[in-house]
Amino acid sequence: MWKDDDELFGLMRQRLFPAVVGDILDGMGYLRQFLHPQIKPVESRMVIAGRAMPVLETLCFDATSEQGKSEVARMPFGRLFEALDDLKPNEVYVATGCAPQFALWGGLMTTRAMHLKAAGAVLDGYSRDTNEVLELGLPVFSYGGYAQDQGPRGKVVDWRIGVEINGVRINPGDIVFGDRDGVLVIPKEAEEEAIRKGLEKAGTENRVRDAINKGMSTVEAFKTFGVM
């Protein structure tokens, strides 16, 4: 039904929405795939669809420190710049791992991600430079805007590793699909079946909508079509 990721994610943005695919994943036994609802698009009409590049953050208490045994302690922002530069086309920068005390994303990061043809960013925390992000138009999902800088407060310690957000596992290459109603993680091993069945369900829901508009009751519609 699609030959590559460009076609796949275009199809998802045009014909699907996360709620439909989430329903399909429920039926497949994947019952906890939505990230917590505090993660919202910085602009309500944004839709994100791409493959996860998970990024692991940690809190720190200085931009650099000579104490400790880790090289990361002596690196401003830790490995953030390396992680950002490693983004590939159609990938989503997914950051988690520390308390939400500062912005995990900003305008210059957005500029770099767009140059790399990334799909956007999903942050288990805040973003900043919201006006710049909105002007650039890259889909960014976060807790909202907060200007506090990451520099002396947080560091990236690793990336392209499995992470969890609110109990939802996110592995490199999983599909991240989000709109104003939530961000869904589609496991790589389930993506083909989930998306194919999601497209079928979306088509059926359109027929149900037409039938209800013509006067069919919801009881009869569910009996006839099996979805609601």
N, C-alpha and C. Protein backbone atom coordinates (compact mmCIF):
# COMPACT_ATOMS: atom_id res chain seq x y z
N MET A 1 0.82 -1.21 0.00
CA MET A 1 0.00 0.00 0.00
C MET A 1 0.85 1.26 0.00
N TRP A 2 2.13 1.12 0.36
CA TRP A 2 3.05 2.25 0.31
C TRP A 2 4.44 1.69 0.03
N LYS A 3 5.22 2.44 -0.71
CA LYS A 3 6.52 1.91 -1.14
C LYS A 3 7.66 2.33 -0.23
N ASP A 4 7.48 3.42 0.52
CA ASP A 4 8.54 3.88 1.41
C ASP A 4 7.94 4.76 2.49
N ASP A 5 8.79 5.26 3.38
CA ASP A 5 8.29 6.06 4.50
C ASP A 5 7.69 7.39 4.04
N ASP A 6 8.21 7.97 2.99
CA ASP A 6 7.61 9.22 2.49
C ASP A 6 6.14 8.99 2.15
N GLU A 7 5.85 7.93 1.43
CA GLU A 7 4.46 7.62 1.07
C GLU A 7 3.65 7.26 2.30
N LEU A 8 4.24 6.46 3.19
CA LEU A 8 3.52 6.03 4.39
C LEU A 8 3.08 7.21 5.24
N PHE A 9 4.01 8.11 5.54
CA PHE A 9 3.65 9.21 6.44
C PHE A 9 2.76 10.24 5.76
N GLY A 10 2.90 10.39 4.45
CA GLY A 10 1.96 11.23 3.73
C GLY A 10 0.55 10.66 3.79
N LEU A 11 0.44 9.34 3.61
CA LEU A 11 -0.85 8.67 3.68
C LEU A 11 -1.46 8.81 5.07
N MET A 12 -0.65 8.66 6.10
CA MET A 12 -1.16 8.78 7.46
C MET A 12 -1.68 10.18 7.74
N ARG A 13 -0.94 11.20 7.29
CA ARG A 13 -1.38 12.58 7.54
C ARG A 13 -2.65 12.92 6.77
N GLN A 14 -2.84 12.32 5.60
CA GLN A 14 -3.99 12.64 4.77
C GLN A 14 -5.25 11.87 5.15
N ARG A 15 -5.09 10.59 5.54
CA ARG A 15 -6.26 9.72 5.66
C ARG A 15 -6.50 9.13 7.04
N LEU A 16 -5.56 9.31 7.96
CA LEU A 16 -5.69 8.71 9.28
C LEU A 16 -5.58 9.77 10.37
N PHE A 17 -5.95 9.37 11.57
CA PHE A 17 -5.68 10.18 12.75
C PHE A 17 -5.39 9.22 13.90
N PRO A 18 -4.65 9.67 14.93
CA PRO A 18 -4.17 8.75 15.96
C PRO A 18 -5.26 7.95 16.66
N ALA A 19 -6.44 8.54 16.86
CA ALA A 19 -7.50 7.82 17.57
C ALA A 19 -7.88 6.52 16.85
N VAL A 20 -7.98 6.56 15.52
CA VAL A 20 -8.37 5.37 14.76
C VAL A 20 -7.31 4.28 14.89
N VAL A 21 -6.04 4.66 14.73
CA VAL A 21 -4.98 3.66 14.82
C VAL A 21 -4.85 3.15 16.25
N GLY A 22 -5.08 4.03 17.22
CA GLY A 22 -5.07 3.59 18.61
C GLY A 22 -6.13 2.55 18.89
N ASP A 23 -7.33 2.71 18.30
CA ASP A 23 -8.39 1.71 18.45
C ASP A 23 -7.95 0.37 17.88
N ILE A 24 -7.29 0.40 16.73
CA ILE A 24 -6.81 -0.84 16.12
C ILE A 24 -5.77 -1.51 17.02
N LEU A 25 -4.84 -0.73 17.56
CA LEU A 25 -3.83 -1.30 18.45
C LEU A 25 -4.47 -1.91 19.70
N ASP A 26 -5.53 -1.30 20.22
CA ASP A 26 -6.27 -1.91 21.33
C ASP A 26 -6.71 -3.32 20.96
N GLY A 27 -7.29 -3.46 19.76
CA GLY A 27 -7.78 -4.76 19.31
C GLY A 27 -6.66 -5.77 19.07
N MET A 28 -5.46 -5.28 18.84
CA MET A 28 -4.30 -6.16 18.64
C MET A 28 -3.61 -6.51 19.95
N GLY A 29 -4.11 -5.96 21.07
CA GLY A 29 -3.52 -6.26 22.37
C GLY A 29 -2.50 -5.25 22.86
N TYR A 30 -2.30 -4.18 22.08
CA TYR A 30 -1.39 -3.10 22.51
C TYR A 30 -2.24 -2.03 23.19
N LEU A 31 -2.40 -2.15 24.50
CA LEU A 31 -3.41 -1.38 25.22
C LEU A 31 -2.90 -0.08 25.83
N ARG A 32 -1.60 0.16 25.76
CA ARG A 32 -1.08 1.38 26.37
C ARG A 32 -0.05 1.99 25.43
N GLN A 33 -0.53 2.70 24.43
CA GLN A 33 0.35 3.24 23.40
C GLN A 33 0.27 4.76 23.27
N PHE A 34 -0.65 5.41 23.98
CA PHE A 34 -0.72 6.87 23.94
C PHE A 34 0.13 7.46 25.06
N LEU A 35 0.95 8.44 24.71
CA LEU A 35 1.69 9.18 25.73
C LEU A 35 0.71 10.01 26.56
N HIS A 36 1.15 10.47 27.71
CA HIS A 36 0.20 11.15 28.60
C HIS A 36 -0.28 12.46 27.95
N PRO A 37 -1.51 12.85 28.26
CA PRO A 37 -2.17 13.93 27.51
C PRO A 37 -1.61 15.31 27.75
N GLN A 38 -0.65 15.46 28.64
CA GLN A 38 -0.02 16.77 28.83
C GLN A 38 0.83 17.17 27.62
N ILE A 39 1.24 16.19 26.82
CA ILE A 39 2.06 16.46 25.64
C ILE A 39 1.14 16.87 24.49
N LYS A 40 1.21 18.13 24.12
CA LYS A 40 0.30 18.72 23.13
C LYS A 40 1.10 19.44 22.04
N PRO A 41 0.52 19.59 20.84
CA PRO A 41 1.19 20.39 19.82
C PRO A 41 1.23 21.86 20.23
N VAL A 42 2.32 22.55 19.87
CA VAL A 42 2.41 23.97 20.21
C VAL A 42 1.41 24.79 19.40
N GLU A 43 0.92 24.23 18.32
CA GLU A 43 -0.18 24.83 17.55
C GLU A 43 -1.17 23.73 17.26
N SER A 44 -2.45 23.96 17.55
CA SER A 44 -3.41 22.87 17.63
C SER A 44 -3.59 22.09 16.34
N ARG A 45 -3.30 22.68 15.19
CA ARG A 45 -3.51 21.97 13.92
C ARG A 45 -2.32 21.12 13.50
N MET A 46 -1.24 21.15 14.27
CA MET A 46 -0.06 20.37 13.90
C MET A 46 -0.33 18.87 13.97
N VAL A 47 0.20 18.14 13.01
CA VAL A 47 0.16 16.68 12.98
C VAL A 47 1.58 16.19 12.80
N ILE A 48 1.97 15.20 13.58
CA ILE A 48 3.33 14.65 13.47
C ILE A 48 3.25 13.18 13.13
N ALA A 49 4.06 12.74 12.18
CA ALA A 49 4.14 11.33 11.80
C ALA A 49 5.56 11.05 11.35
N GLY A 50 6.23 10.14 12.03
CA GLY A 50 7.60 9.81 11.68
C GLY A 50 8.12 8.70 12.57
N ARG A 51 9.39 8.38 12.41
CA ARG A 51 10.01 7.30 13.18
C ARG A 51 10.78 7.87 14.37
N ALA A 52 10.62 7.23 15.50
CA ALA A 52 11.20 7.74 16.74
C ALA A 52 12.72 7.65 16.74
N MET A 53 13.35 8.76 17.14
CA MET A 53 14.75 8.75 17.56
C MET A 53 14.75 9.15 19.04
N PRO A 54 14.68 8.15 19.93
CA PRO A 54 14.60 8.48 21.36
C PRO A 54 15.89 9.10 21.88
N VAL A 55 15.72 10.07 22.78
CA VAL A 55 16.84 10.81 23.37
C VAL A 55 16.68 10.80 24.88
N LEU A 56 17.72 10.39 25.59
CA LEU A 56 17.67 10.29 27.04
C LEU A 56 18.35 11.49 27.69
N GLU A 57 17.61 12.21 28.53
CA GLU A 57 18.09 13.40 29.24
C GLU A 57 18.33 13.06 30.71
N THR A 58 19.09 13.91 31.38
CA THR A 58 19.21 13.83 32.83
C THR A 58 19.35 15.24 33.38
N LEU A 59 19.03 15.42 34.64
CA LEU A 59 19.25 16.69 35.31
C LEU A 59 20.72 16.87 35.63
N CYS A 60 21.17 18.11 35.66
CA CYS A 60 22.52 18.42 36.14
C CYS A 60 22.43 19.73 36.92
N PHE A 61 23.55 20.17 37.46
CA PHE A 61 23.51 21.35 38.32
C PHE A 61 24.59 22.37 37.97
N ASP A 62 25.26 22.15 36.84
CA ASP A 62 26.23 23.09 36.28
C ASP A 62 26.31 22.81 34.79
N ALA A 63 26.62 23.84 34.01
CA ALA A 63 26.80 23.62 32.57
C ALA A 63 27.96 22.68 32.32
N THR A 64 29.04 22.84 33.09
CA THR A 64 30.18 21.93 33.03
C THR A 64 30.68 21.70 34.44
N SER A 65 31.31 20.56 34.64
CA SER A 65 31.85 20.24 35.97
C SER A 65 33.08 19.37 35.79
N GLU A 66 34.10 19.67 36.56
CA GLU A 66 35.31 18.83 36.56
C GLU A 66 35.18 17.66 37.52
N GLN A 67 34.12 17.67 38.31
CA GLN A 67 33.90 16.57 39.24
C GLN A 67 33.26 15.40 38.52
N GLY A 68 33.36 14.23 39.13
CA GLY A 68 32.73 13.05 38.55
C GLY A 68 33.62 12.37 37.54
N LYS A 69 33.20 11.19 37.11
CA LYS A 69 34.01 10.34 36.23
C LYS A 69 33.54 10.38 34.78
N SER A 70 32.37 10.95 34.52
CA SER A 70 31.81 10.90 33.17
C SER A 70 32.25 12.09 32.34
N GLU A 71 32.60 11.82 31.09
CA GLU A 71 32.95 12.90 30.17
C GLU A 71 31.78 13.84 29.95
N VAL A 72 30.56 13.31 30.03
CA VAL A 72 29.36 14.13 29.81
C VAL A 72 29.30 15.29 30.79
N ALA A 73 29.80 15.10 32.01
CA ALA A 73 29.78 16.17 33.02
C ALA A 73 30.54 17.40 32.56
N ARG A 74 31.51 17.21 31.69
CA ARG A 74 32.34 18.33 31.25
C ARG A 74 31.86 18.92 29.92
N MET A 75 30.73 18.44 29.42
CA MET A 75 30.22 18.88 28.12
C MET A 75 28.97 19.72 28.31
N PRO A 76 28.97 20.99 27.93
CA PRO A 76 27.72 21.77 27.98
C PRO A 76 26.62 21.08 27.17
N PHE A 77 25.47 20.91 27.77
CA PHE A 77 24.33 20.24 27.16
C PHE A 77 24.56 18.74 26.95
N GLY A 78 25.67 18.21 27.44
CA GLY A 78 25.94 16.79 27.25
C GLY A 78 26.10 16.44 25.78
N ARG A 79 25.41 15.39 25.32
CA ARG A 79 25.52 14.92 23.94
C ARG A 79 24.41 15.47 23.05
N LEU A 80 23.76 16.53 23.49
CA LEU A 80 22.60 17.06 22.77
C LEU A 80 22.92 17.38 21.32
N PHE A 81 24.03 18.06 21.06
CA PHE A 81 24.31 18.50 19.69
C PHE A 81 24.59 17.31 18.78
N GLU A 82 25.25 16.29 19.32
CA GLU A 82 25.49 15.08 18.54
C GLU A 82 24.17 14.38 18.22
N ALA A 83 23.30 14.30 19.21
CA ALA A 83 22.00 13.66 18.99
C ALA A 83 21.20 14.42 17.94
N LEU A 84 21.14 15.73 18.08
CA LEU A 84 20.38 16.54 17.13
C LEU A 84 20.92 16.38 15.72
N ASP A 85 22.23 16.41 15.57
CA ASP A 85 22.85 16.29 14.25
C ASP A 85 22.66 14.91 13.65
N ASP A 86 22.28 13.93 14.45
CA ASP A 86 22.10 12.55 13.97
C ASP A 86 20.69 12.29 13.44
N LEU A 87 19.81 13.29 13.55
CA LEU A 87 18.45 13.12 13.03
C LEU A 87 18.48 12.83 11.53
N LYS A 88 17.63 11.89 11.11
CA LYS A 88 17.50 11.53 9.71
C LYS A 88 16.14 12.00 9.18
N PRO A 89 15.97 12.07 7.84
CA PRO A 89 14.67 12.43 7.29
C PRO A 89 13.56 11.54 7.84
N ASN A 90 12.43 12.16 8.13
CA ASN A 90 11.23 11.48 8.65
C ASN A 90 11.38 10.97 10.08
N GLU A 91 12.42 11.42 10.80
CA GLU A 91 12.55 10.99 12.19
C GLU A 91 12.01 12.05 13.14
N VAL A 92 11.58 11.57 14.30
CA VAL A 92 11.05 12.42 15.36
C VAL A 92 12.00 12.38 16.55
N TYR A 93 12.45 13.54 16.98
CA TYR A 93 13.29 13.67 18.17
C TYR A 93 12.36 13.51 19.38
N VAL A 94 12.54 12.42 20.14
CA VAL A 94 11.68 12.12 21.29
C VAL A 94 12.52 12.17 22.54
N ALA A 95 12.35 13.20 23.36
CA ALA A 95 13.22 13.41 24.53
C ALA A 95 12.47 13.15 25.82
N THR A 96 13.12 12.43 26.74
CA THR A 96 12.55 12.15 28.06
C THR A 96 13.69 11.84 29.02
N GLY A 97 13.34 11.68 30.30
CA GLY A 97 14.31 11.18 31.26
C GLY A 97 14.61 12.09 32.42
N CYS A 98 14.10 13.33 32.42
CA CYS A 98 14.40 14.22 33.53
C CYS A 98 13.13 14.97 33.95
N ALA A 99 13.18 15.54 35.14
CA ALA A 99 12.04 16.31 35.63
C ALA A 99 11.82 17.53 34.73
N PRO A 100 10.56 17.91 34.51
CA PRO A 100 10.27 19.04 33.61
C PRO A 100 10.54 20.39 34.26
N GLN A 101 11.82 20.77 34.29
CA GLN A 101 12.23 22.01 34.96
C GLN A 101 12.78 23.06 33.99
N PHE A 102 12.83 22.72 32.69
CA PHE A 102 13.40 23.62 31.70
C PHE A 102 12.95 23.16 30.32
N ALA A 103 13.28 23.95 29.31
CA ALA A 103 12.90 23.62 27.94
C ALA A 103 13.87 22.62 27.33
N LEU A 104 13.31 21.59 26.72
CA LEU A 104 14.10 20.55 26.06
C LEU A 104 14.31 20.84 24.57
N TRP A 105 13.69 21.90 24.08
CA TRP A 105 13.70 22.18 22.64
C TRP A 105 13.50 23.66 22.43
N GLY A 106 14.07 24.20 21.33
CA GLY A 106 13.90 25.61 21.05
C GLY A 106 14.01 25.92 19.57
N GLY A 107 14.14 27.19 19.28
CA GLY A 107 14.10 27.66 17.90
C GLY A 107 15.27 27.20 17.06
N LEU A 108 16.49 27.29 17.59
CA LEU A 108 17.65 26.87 16.80
C LEU A 108 17.63 25.37 16.55
N MET A 109 17.17 24.59 17.51
CA MET A 109 17.03 23.15 17.30
C MET A 109 16.01 22.88 16.20
N THR A 110 14.94 23.66 16.18
CA THR A 110 13.93 23.52 15.13
C THR A 110 14.54 23.80 13.76
N THR A 111 15.33 24.86 13.68
CA THR A 111 15.98 25.21 12.41
C THR A 111 16.87 24.07 11.92
N ARG A 112 17.66 23.50 12.82
CA ARG A 112 18.55 22.39 12.44
C ARG A 112 17.74 21.16 12.02
N ALA A 113 16.70 20.84 12.78
CA ALA A 113 15.88 19.67 12.46
C ALA A 113 15.21 19.81 11.09
N MET A 114 14.77 21.01 10.77
CA MET A 114 14.15 21.23 9.46
C MET A 114 15.17 21.05 8.34
N HIS A 115 16.39 21.53 8.56
CA HIS A 115 17.44 21.36 7.55
C HIS A 115 17.72 19.87 7.30
N LEU A 116 17.60 19.07 8.34
CA LEU A 116 17.84 17.63 8.24
C LEU A 116 16.61 16.86 7.75
N LYS A 117 15.51 17.59 7.49
CA LYS A 117 14.25 17.00 6.99
C LYS A 117 13.62 16.04 8.01
N ALA A 118 13.82 16.37 9.30
CA ALA A 118 13.18 15.58 10.35
C ALA A 118 11.67 15.85 10.36
N ALA A 119 10.93 14.94 11.01
CA ALA A 119 9.47 15.05 11.05
C ALA A 119 8.98 15.94 12.18
N GLY A 120 9.83 16.20 13.19
CA GLY A 120 9.41 17.04 14.30
C GLY A 120 10.01 16.58 15.61
N ALA A 121 9.41 17.03 16.71
CA ALA A 121 9.91 16.70 18.04
C ALA A 121 8.73 16.43 18.98
N VAL A 122 8.91 15.44 19.85
CA VAL A 122 7.96 15.13 20.92
C VAL A 122 8.75 15.14 22.22
N LEU A 123 8.32 15.97 23.15
CA LEU A 123 9.11 16.25 24.35
C LEU A 123 8.32 15.93 25.60
N ASP A 124 8.91 15.13 26.46
CA ASP A 124 8.34 14.86 27.77
C ASP A 124 8.77 15.97 28.71
N GLY A 125 8.36 17.18 28.36
CA GLY A 125 8.75 18.39 29.06
C GLY A 125 8.39 19.60 28.21
N TYR A 126 9.04 20.71 28.49
CA TYR A 126 8.66 21.98 27.86
C TYR A 126 9.49 22.27 26.61
N SER A 127 8.98 23.19 25.81
CA SER A 127 9.74 23.77 24.70
C SER A 127 9.73 25.29 24.88
N ARG A 128 10.55 25.97 24.08
CA ARG A 128 10.58 27.43 24.18
C ARG A 128 10.75 28.03 22.77
N ASP A 129 10.93 29.35 22.71
CA ASP A 129 11.01 30.06 21.42
C ASP A 129 9.77 29.74 20.58
N THR A 130 8.62 29.77 21.21
CA THR A 130 7.40 29.30 20.56
C THR A 130 7.08 30.09 19.30
N ASN A 131 7.25 31.40 19.32
CA ASN A 131 6.96 32.18 18.12
C ASN A 131 7.83 31.75 16.95
N GLU A 132 9.10 31.48 17.23
CA GLU A 132 10.00 31.03 16.17
C GLU A 132 9.61 29.65 15.67
N VAL A 133 9.26 28.76 16.58
CA VAL A 133 8.82 27.42 16.19
C VAL A 133 7.57 27.50 15.31
N LEU A 134 6.62 28.34 15.71
CA LEU A 134 5.40 28.49 14.93
C LEU A 134 5.69 29.06 13.55
N GLU A 135 6.60 30.02 13.48
CA GLU A 135 6.94 30.61 12.19
C GLU A 135 7.59 29.58 11.27
N LEU A 136 8.43 28.72 11.82
CA LEU A 136 9.10 27.70 11.02
C LEU A 136 8.15 26.58 10.61
N GLY A 137 7.19 26.25 11.47
CA GLY A 137 6.14 25.30 11.11
C GLY A 137 6.44 23.84 11.36
N LEU A 138 7.59 23.50 11.94
CA LEU A 138 7.88 22.10 12.23
C LEU A 138 6.99 21.62 13.37
N PRO A 139 6.36 20.45 13.26
CA PRO A 139 5.52 19.96 14.35
C PRO A 139 6.33 19.72 15.62
N VAL A 140 5.98 20.40 16.68
CA VAL A 140 6.62 20.25 17.99
C VAL A 140 5.53 20.03 19.02
N PHE A 141 5.67 18.96 19.80
CA PHE A 141 4.71 18.60 20.84
C PHE A 141 5.43 18.64 22.18
N SER A 142 4.83 19.31 23.15
CA SER A 142 5.49 19.47 24.45
C SER A 142 4.43 19.77 25.51
N TYR A 143 4.89 20.04 26.75
CA TYR A 143 3.98 20.46 27.82
C TYR A 143 3.50 21.89 27.61
N GLY A 144 4.16 22.62 26.73
CA GLY A 144 3.85 24.02 26.52
C GLY A 144 5.14 24.84 26.54
N GLY A 145 4.99 26.15 26.48
CA GLY A 145 6.14 27.03 26.43
C GLY A 145 6.67 27.37 27.81
N TYR A 146 7.99 27.31 27.95
CA TYR A 146 8.66 27.70 29.20
C TYR A 146 10.08 28.11 28.83
N ALA A 147 10.46 29.35 29.14
CA ALA A 147 11.71 29.92 28.64
C ALA A 147 12.97 29.43 29.34
N GLN A 148 12.83 28.77 30.48
CA GLN A 148 14.01 28.35 31.25
C GLN A 148 14.95 27.49 30.40
N ASP A 149 16.23 27.86 30.36
CA ASP A 149 17.19 27.19 29.49
C ASP A 149 17.68 25.88 30.07
N GLN A 150 18.00 24.97 29.16
CA GLN A 150 18.54 23.67 29.56
C GLN A 150 20.00 23.76 30.02
N GLY A 151 20.76 24.71 29.47
CA GLY A 151 22.20 24.77 29.62
C GLY A 151 22.77 24.31 30.95
N PRO A 152 22.49 25.01 32.07
CA PRO A 152 23.07 24.62 33.35
C PRO A 152 22.21 23.64 34.14
N ARG A 153 21.18 23.08 33.51
CA ARG A 153 20.20 22.29 34.26
C ARG A 153 20.01 20.86 33.74
N GLY A 154 20.36 20.61 32.49
CA GLY A 154 20.11 19.28 31.93
C GLY A 154 21.12 18.92 30.86
N LYS A 155 21.28 17.62 30.64
CA LYS A 155 22.20 17.12 29.63
C LYS A 155 21.60 15.90 28.94
N VAL A 156 21.90 15.77 27.66
CA VAL A 156 21.60 14.53 26.95
C VAL A 156 22.73 13.54 27.24
N VAL A 157 22.35 12.33 27.67
CA VAL A 157 23.36 11.32 27.99
C VAL A 157 23.45 10.22 26.93
N ASP A 158 22.39 10.03 26.13
CA ASP A 158 22.43 9.00 25.09
C ASP A 158 21.26 9.19 24.14
N TRP A 159 21.31 8.52 23.03
CA TRP A 159 20.20 8.59 22.05
C TRP A 159 20.20 7.32 21.20
N ARG A 160 19.11 7.12 20.48
CA ARG A 160 18.85 5.89 19.74
C ARG A 160 18.87 4.67 20.66
N ILE A 161 18.23 4.83 21.80
CA ILE A 161 18.05 3.73 22.75
C ILE A 161 16.58 3.70 23.14
N GLY A 162 16.12 2.56 23.65
CA GLY A 162 14.75 2.47 24.12
C GLY A 162 14.53 3.32 25.36
N VAL A 163 13.39 4.01 25.40
CA VAL A 163 13.00 4.82 26.55
C VAL A 163 11.55 4.54 26.89
N GLU A 164 11.09 5.08 28.00
CA GLU A 164 9.67 5.01 28.36
C GLU A 164 9.19 6.40 28.75
N ILE A 165 7.96 6.70 28.34
CA ILE A 165 7.27 7.91 28.78
C ILE A 165 5.95 7.48 29.38
N ASN A 166 5.81 7.69 30.68
CA ASN A 166 4.58 7.34 31.39
C ASN A 166 4.19 5.88 31.13
N GLY A 167 5.18 5.01 31.12
CA GLY A 167 4.92 3.58 30.95
C GLY A 167 4.80 3.12 29.52
N VAL A 168 4.90 4.02 28.55
CA VAL A 168 4.83 3.65 27.14
C VAL A 168 6.25 3.48 26.62
N ARG A 169 6.56 2.28 26.15
CA ARG A 169 7.88 1.99 25.60
C ARG A 169 8.02 2.60 24.21
N ILE A 170 9.16 3.24 23.96
CA ILE A 170 9.45 3.82 22.65
C ILE A 170 10.83 3.34 22.22
N ASN A 171 10.87 2.56 21.16
CA ASN A 171 12.12 2.05 20.63
C ASN A 171 12.50 2.81 19.36
N PRO A 172 13.79 2.88 19.05
CA PRO A 172 14.19 3.51 17.80
C PRO A 172 13.47 2.87 16.62
N GLY A 173 12.90 3.71 15.76
CA GLY A 173 12.22 3.21 14.58
C GLY A 173 10.73 2.98 14.74
N ASP A 174 10.22 2.99 15.99
CA ASP A 174 8.76 2.94 16.17
C ASP A 174 8.15 4.18 15.52
N ILE A 175 6.90 4.06 15.10
CA ILE A 175 6.22 5.21 14.51
C ILE A 175 5.60 6.07 15.61
N VAL A 176 5.81 7.36 15.51
CA VAL A 176 5.19 8.35 16.40
C VAL A 176 4.16 9.11 15.57
N PHE A 177 2.90 9.11 16.03
CA PHE A 177 1.80 9.70 15.27
C PHE A 177 0.97 10.54 16.23
N GLY A 178 0.93 11.85 16.02
CA GLY A 178 0.25 12.71 16.98
C GLY A 178 -0.54 13.83 16.35
N ASP A 179 -1.61 14.23 17.04
CA ASP A 179 -2.37 15.42 16.70
C ASP A 179 -2.83 16.05 18.00
N ARG A 180 -3.80 16.95 17.93
CA ARG A 180 -4.22 17.69 19.13
C ARG A 180 -4.86 16.78 20.19
N ASP A 181 -5.27 15.56 19.81
CA ASP A 181 -5.89 14.63 20.75
C ASP A 181 -4.90 13.69 21.42
N GLY A 182 -3.64 13.71 21.02
CA GLY A 182 -2.66 12.86 21.68
C GLY A 182 -1.61 12.33 20.75
N VAL A 183 -0.56 11.76 21.36
CA VAL A 183 0.57 11.20 20.62
C VAL A 183 0.58 9.69 20.82
N LEU A 184 0.52 8.97 19.71
CA LEU A 184 0.46 7.52 19.70
C LEU A 184 1.80 6.94 19.28
N VAL A 185 2.23 5.86 19.95
CA VAL A 185 3.42 5.13 19.55
C VAL A 185 2.98 3.80 18.94
N ILE A 186 3.37 3.57 17.69
CA ILE A 186 3.03 2.35 16.98
C ILE A 186 4.28 1.49 16.91
N PRO A 187 4.31 0.36 17.63
CA PRO A 187 5.51 -0.48 17.61
C PRO A 187 5.85 -0.94 16.19
N LYS A 188 7.12 -0.98 15.89
CA LYS A 188 7.57 -1.31 14.54
C LYS A 188 7.01 -2.64 14.06
N GLU A 189 6.96 -3.62 14.98
CA GLU A 189 6.50 -4.94 14.57
C GLU A 189 5.00 -4.99 14.27
N ALA A 190 4.26 -3.97 14.71
CA ALA A 190 2.81 -3.95 14.51
C ALA A 190 2.37 -2.94 13.46
N GLU A 191 3.29 -2.17 12.89
CA GLU A 191 2.90 -1.01 12.09
C GLU A 191 2.11 -1.37 10.84
N GLU A 192 2.53 -2.38 10.09
CA GLU A 192 1.85 -2.68 8.83
C GLU A 192 0.39 -3.07 9.07
N GLU A 193 0.16 -3.99 10.00
CA GLU A 193 -1.21 -4.43 10.29
C GLU A 193 -2.04 -3.28 10.87
N ALA A 194 -1.45 -2.52 11.80
CA ALA A 194 -2.20 -1.45 12.45
C ALA A 194 -2.61 -0.37 11.45
N ILE A 195 -1.72 -0.01 10.56
CA ILE A 195 -2.04 1.06 9.61
C ILE A 195 -3.01 0.56 8.54
N ARG A 196 -2.80 -0.65 8.06
CA ARG A 196 -3.74 -1.20 7.07
C ARG A 196 -5.15 -1.28 7.64
N LYS A 197 -5.27 -1.83 8.85
CA LYS A 197 -6.60 -1.93 9.47
C LYS A 197 -7.14 -0.55 9.83
N GLY A 198 -6.25 0.39 10.17
CA GLY A 198 -6.69 1.75 10.46
C GLY A 198 -7.31 2.41 9.25
N LEU A 199 -6.71 2.21 8.09
CA LEU A 199 -7.28 2.76 6.85
C LEU A 199 -8.64 2.16 6.56
N GLU A 200 -8.79 0.86 6.80
CA GLU A 200 -10.09 0.21 6.60
C GLU A 200 -11.12 0.78 7.57
N LYS A 201 -10.73 0.95 8.83
CA LYS A 201 -11.66 1.47 9.84
C LYS A 201 -12.06 2.90 9.53
N ALA A 202 -11.12 3.71 9.07
CA ALA A 202 -11.44 5.09 8.72
C ALA A 202 -12.48 5.13 7.60
N GLY A 203 -12.34 4.24 6.62
CA GLY A 203 -13.33 4.17 5.54
C GLY A 203 -14.69 3.75 6.05
N THR A 204 -14.70 2.79 6.97
CA THR A 204 -15.98 2.34 7.54
C THR A 204 -16.63 3.44 8.36
N GLU A 205 -15.84 4.18 9.12
CA GLU A 205 -16.40 5.28 9.91
C GLU A 205 -17.05 6.34 9.02
N ASN A 206 -16.47 6.55 7.85
CA ASN A 206 -17.11 7.50 6.92
C ASN A 206 -18.48 7.01 6.47
N ARG A 207 -18.60 5.70 6.26
CA ARG A 207 -19.92 5.14 5.89
C ARG A 207 -20.89 5.24 7.06
N VAL A 208 -20.42 5.02 8.27
CA VAL A 208 -21.28 5.17 9.45
C VAL A 208 -21.76 6.60 9.58
N ARG A 209 -20.86 7.55 9.37
CA ARG A 209 -21.23 8.97 9.46
C ARG A 209 -22.32 9.31 8.45
N ASP A 210 -22.16 8.81 7.24
CA ASP A 210 -23.17 9.05 6.20
C ASP A 210 -24.52 8.46 6.61
N ALA A 211 -24.47 7.23 7.16
CA ALA A 211 -25.72 6.56 7.56
C ALA A 211 -26.41 7.31 8.69
N ILE A 212 -25.65 7.78 9.67
CA ILE A 212 -26.24 8.53 10.79
C ILE A 212 -26.81 9.86 10.29
N ASN A 213 -26.10 10.50 9.37
CA ASN A 213 -26.62 11.75 8.79
C ASN A 213 -27.93 11.54 8.06
N LYS A 214 -28.15 10.32 7.56
CA LYS A 214 -29.39 10.00 6.85
C LYS A 214 -30.48 9.48 7.79
N GLY A 215 -30.16 9.42 9.09
CA GLY A 215 -31.19 9.08 10.07
C GLY A 215 -31.03 7.76 10.77
N MET A 216 -30.02 6.95 10.44
CA MET A 216 -29.84 5.66 11.10
C MET A 216 -29.49 5.87 12.57
N SER A 217 -30.05 5.05 13.45
CA SER A 217 -29.74 5.16 14.87
C SER A 217 -28.33 4.62 15.14
N THR A 218 -27.77 5.02 16.27
CA THR A 218 -26.45 4.51 16.62
C THR A 218 -26.50 3.01 16.91
N VAL A 219 -27.61 2.53 17.49
CA VAL A 219 -27.77 1.09 17.74
C VAL A 219 -27.71 0.33 16.43
N GLU A 220 -28.47 0.77 15.43
CA GLU A 220 -28.50 0.11 14.14
C GLU A 220 -27.18 0.26 13.41
N ALA A 221 -26.54 1.43 13.56
CA ALA A 221 -25.27 1.65 12.89
C ALA A 221 -24.19 0.70 13.42
N PHE A 222 -24.15 0.54 14.73
CA PHE A 222 -23.14 -0.36 15.28
C PHE A 222 -23.43 -1.81 14.89
N LYS A 223 -24.71 -2.16 14.87
CA LYS A 223 -25.08 -3.52 14.46
C LYS A 223 -24.71 -3.75 13.00
N THR A 224 -24.86 -2.74 12.18
CA THR A 224 -24.60 -2.88 10.74
C THR A 224 -23.12 -2.84 10.40
N PHE A 225 -22.39 -1.90 10.99
CA PHE A 225 -21.01 -1.66 10.59
C PHE A 225 -19.96 -2.16 11.59
N GLY A 226 -20.35 -2.34 12.84
CA GLY A 226 -19.42 -2.86 13.85
C GLY A 226 -18.43 -1.88 14.40
N VAL A 227 -18.59 -0.59 14.09
CA VAL A 227 -17.72 0.43 14.65
C VAL A 227 -18.57 1.61 15.12
N MET A 228 -18.04 2.39 16.06
CA MET A 228 -18.74 3.58 16.52
C MET A 228 -17.73 4.49 17.19
